[in-house]
Amino acid sequence: MLNLQFILIITNYLLPYLPHDVIVRQQGVTFSFKDYKDNAIKKLTTLSGVEFLRRFCLHILPYRFKKIRYYSILGSRYKKEVKPLKDKPDITKPIETRQERIVRLIGFNPCKCPFCKTGNMQTVEDIPKIRSPTNVLYPNLSTIHC
């Protein structure tokens, strides 16, 4: 069990990052939250110090991660209004196959026979990708003898 002095040290360190209505006692940490399942009513709850720290640490992003907040119509305020728009199919976007896209981008069909220009070429065999030997670029230090 963590003693009260240790909990106070940790809480004082975390205070700038916590909401203003956090109370630390021997019994645990008491804080308020909005219960969105119950019409966003503000409620109080008490957790043990360890459980509070565990839940608090769930909100800490890993190194090099950036928190993204959505504003405007992407925010949660307009979620109900935007949802029907997301469900509608996009009729302005032409549906194009991979082969049609290649023909459009490079100007000719690479699957046509290069000699007769009428028949389609078929895949006979896939050639595996060649990988460079690992000992050439990154020598294993255990195999180097000086």
Protein backbone atom coordinates (compact mmCIF):
# COMPACT_ATOMS: atom_id res chain seq x y z
CA MET A 1 0.00 0.00 0.00
CA LEU A 2 1.35 3.39 -0.94
CA ASN A 3 1.69 5.78 1.95
CA LEU A 4 -0.04 9.18 1.93
CA GLN A 5 3.19 11.16 1.60
CA PHE A 6 4.16 9.34 -1.61
CA ILE A 7 0.66 9.87 -3.05
CA LEU A 8 0.86 13.59 -2.21
CA ILE A 9 4.25 13.91 -3.94
CA ILE A 10 2.92 12.26 -7.10
CA THR A 11 -0.31 14.27 -7.03
CA ASN A 12 1.55 17.57 -6.55
CA TYR A 13 3.66 16.69 -9.57
CA LEU A 14 0.56 15.90 -11.64
CA LEU A 15 -1.59 18.85 -10.45
CA PRO A 16 -0.87 21.09 -13.48
CA TYR A 17 -2.16 18.29 -15.73
CA LEU A 18 -5.24 17.41 -13.66
CA PRO A 19 -8.66 19.06 -13.54
CA HIS A 20 -9.18 21.54 -10.71
CA ASP A 21 -11.62 19.40 -8.77
CA VAL A 22 -9.31 16.56 -7.69
CA ILE A 23 -9.18 15.77 -3.97
CA VAL A 24 -6.51 13.47 -2.54
CA ARG A 25 -7.25 11.71 0.76
CA GLN A 26 -6.13 8.61 2.61
CA GLN A 27 -9.12 6.71 1.16
CA GLY A 28 -8.16 7.58 -2.41
CA VAL A 29 -8.55 10.22 -5.08
CA THR A 30 -11.93 11.88 -5.58
CA PHE A 31 -12.72 13.71 -8.81
CA SER A 32 -15.73 14.76 -10.83
CA PHE A 33 -16.61 13.66 -14.33
CA LYS A 34 -19.45 14.09 -16.80
CA ASP A 35 -21.56 10.98 -17.23
CA TYR A 36 -22.60 11.25 -20.87
CA LYS A 37 -24.79 8.16 -20.57
CA ASP A 38 -26.87 10.04 -17.97
CA ASN A 39 -27.51 13.35 -19.81
CA ALA A 40 -23.99 14.70 -19.10
CA ILE A 41 -24.62 15.07 -15.36
CA LYS A 42 -21.52 15.90 -13.35
CA LYS A 43 -20.81 13.14 -10.81
CA LEU A 44 -18.16 12.42 -8.17
CA THR A 45 -16.22 9.20 -7.94
CA THR A 46 -13.45 7.93 -5.67
CA LEU A 47 -10.68 5.63 -6.82
CA SER A 48 -7.65 4.21 -5.07
CA GLY A 49 -4.43 6.09 -5.78
CA VAL A 50 -3.01 3.26 -7.86
CA GLU A 51 -6.17 2.91 -9.96
CA PHE A 52 -6.33 6.68 -10.49
CA LEU A 53 -2.71 6.72 -11.69
CA ARG A 54 -3.36 3.74 -13.97
CA ARG A 55 -6.33 5.46 -15.59
CA PHE A 56 -4.43 8.75 -15.80
CA CYS A 57 -1.50 7.04 -17.56
CA LEU A 58 -3.86 5.64 -20.19
CA HIS A 59 -4.20 9.22 -21.48
CA ILE A 60 -0.46 9.75 -21.90
CA LEU A 61 0.53 9.41 -25.54
CA PRO A 62 3.61 7.41 -26.53
CA TYR A 63 6.76 9.21 -27.63
CA ARG A 64 6.40 11.02 -30.99
CA PHE A 65 2.62 10.65 -31.09
CA LYS A 66 0.63 13.82 -31.71
CA LYS A 67 -2.83 14.36 -30.26
CA ILE A 68 -5.35 15.35 -32.89
CA ARG A 69 -8.40 17.36 -31.90
CA TYR A 70 -11.25 17.70 -34.32
CA TYR A 71 -12.99 21.03 -34.68
CA SER A 72 -15.72 22.39 -36.93
CA ILE A 73 -17.92 19.73 -38.55
CA LEU A 74 -15.51 16.94 -37.54
CA GLY A 75 -16.07 17.67 -33.83
CA SER A 76 -18.40 15.62 -31.64
CA ARG A 77 -20.95 18.45 -31.60
CA TYR A 78 -21.95 17.75 -35.21
CA LYS A 79 -21.68 13.96 -35.06
CA LYS A 80 -25.42 13.37 -35.66
CA GLU A 81 -25.56 15.81 -38.58
CA VAL A 82 -22.47 14.40 -40.33
CA LYS A 83 -23.29 10.70 -39.95
CA PRO A 84 -25.96 10.58 -42.72
CA LEU A 85 -23.52 12.28 -45.07
CA LYS A 86 -20.86 9.65 -44.40
CA ASP A 87 -23.28 6.79 -45.11
CA LYS A 88 -24.25 8.08 -48.58
CA PRO A 89 -22.26 6.61 -51.48
CA ASP A 90 -20.11 9.06 -53.38
CA ILE A 91 -21.75 9.08 -56.82
CA THR A 92 -19.39 11.69 -58.29
CA LYS A 93 -16.32 9.45 -57.96
CA PRO A 94 -15.95 7.19 -61.01
CA ILE A 95 -15.37 3.55 -60.16
CA GLU A 96 -12.29 2.40 -62.03
CA THR A 97 -10.46 -0.91 -61.88
CA ARG A 98 -6.74 -1.21 -61.30
CA GLN A 99 -6.17 -2.16 -64.94
CA GLU A 100 -8.18 0.81 -66.22
CA ARG A 101 -6.20 3.15 -63.97
CA ILE A 102 -2.88 1.82 -65.31
CA VAL A 103 -4.05 2.27 -68.91
CA ARG A 104 -5.22 5.82 -68.12
CA LEU A 105 -1.96 6.80 -66.41
CA ILE A 106 0.62 5.33 -68.79
CA GLY A 107 -1.37 5.60 -72.02
CA PHE A 108 -1.27 1.96 -73.16
CA ASN A 109 -2.30 -1.44 -71.88
CA PRO A 110 0.78 -3.33 -70.64
CA CYS A 111 -1.19 -6.60 -70.53
CA LYS A 112 -1.71 -6.64 -74.30
CA CYS A 113 0.68 -8.79 -76.31
CA PRO A 114 3.54 -6.54 -77.52
CA PHE A 115 3.67 -8.38 -80.88
CA CYS A 116 0.08 -8.91 -82.06
CA LYS A 117 -1.54 -6.17 -79.87
CA THR A 118 -4.75 -8.19 -79.62
CA GLY A 119 -4.35 -10.95 -77.02
CA ASN A 120 -3.90 -10.44 -73.27
CA MET A 121 -0.77 -11.75 -71.56
CA GLN A 122 -1.28 -14.18 -68.68
CA THR A 123 0.86 -14.58 -65.54
CA VAL A 124 2.87 -17.79 -65.81
CA GLU A 125 5.11 -17.42 -62.78
CA ASP A 126 5.85 -14.76 -60.15
CA ILE A 127 9.53 -14.00 -59.70
CA PRO A 128 10.41 -13.63 -56.00
CA LYS A 129 11.95 -10.40 -54.79
CA ILE A 130 15.71 -10.53 -54.46
CA ARG A 131 17.05 -9.54 -51.08
CA SER A 132 20.61 -8.53 -50.50
CA PRO A 133 22.62 -10.74 -48.16
CA THR A 134 22.54 -9.40 -44.63
CA ASN A 135 26.22 -10.10 -44.02
CA VAL A 136 27.33 -7.72 -46.81
CA LEU A 137 25.57 -4.55 -45.72
CA TYR A 138 25.33 -5.26 -42.02
CA PRO A 139 28.11 -7.60 -40.98
CA ASN A 140 27.52 -9.72 -37.92
CA LEU A 141 30.04 -8.69 -35.28
CA SER A 142 30.32 -12.24 -33.99
CA THR A 143 31.70 -13.47 -37.35
CA ILE A 144 34.39 -10.75 -37.62
CA HIS A 145 37.73 -11.95 -36.27
CA CYS A 146 40.53 -9.44 -35.76
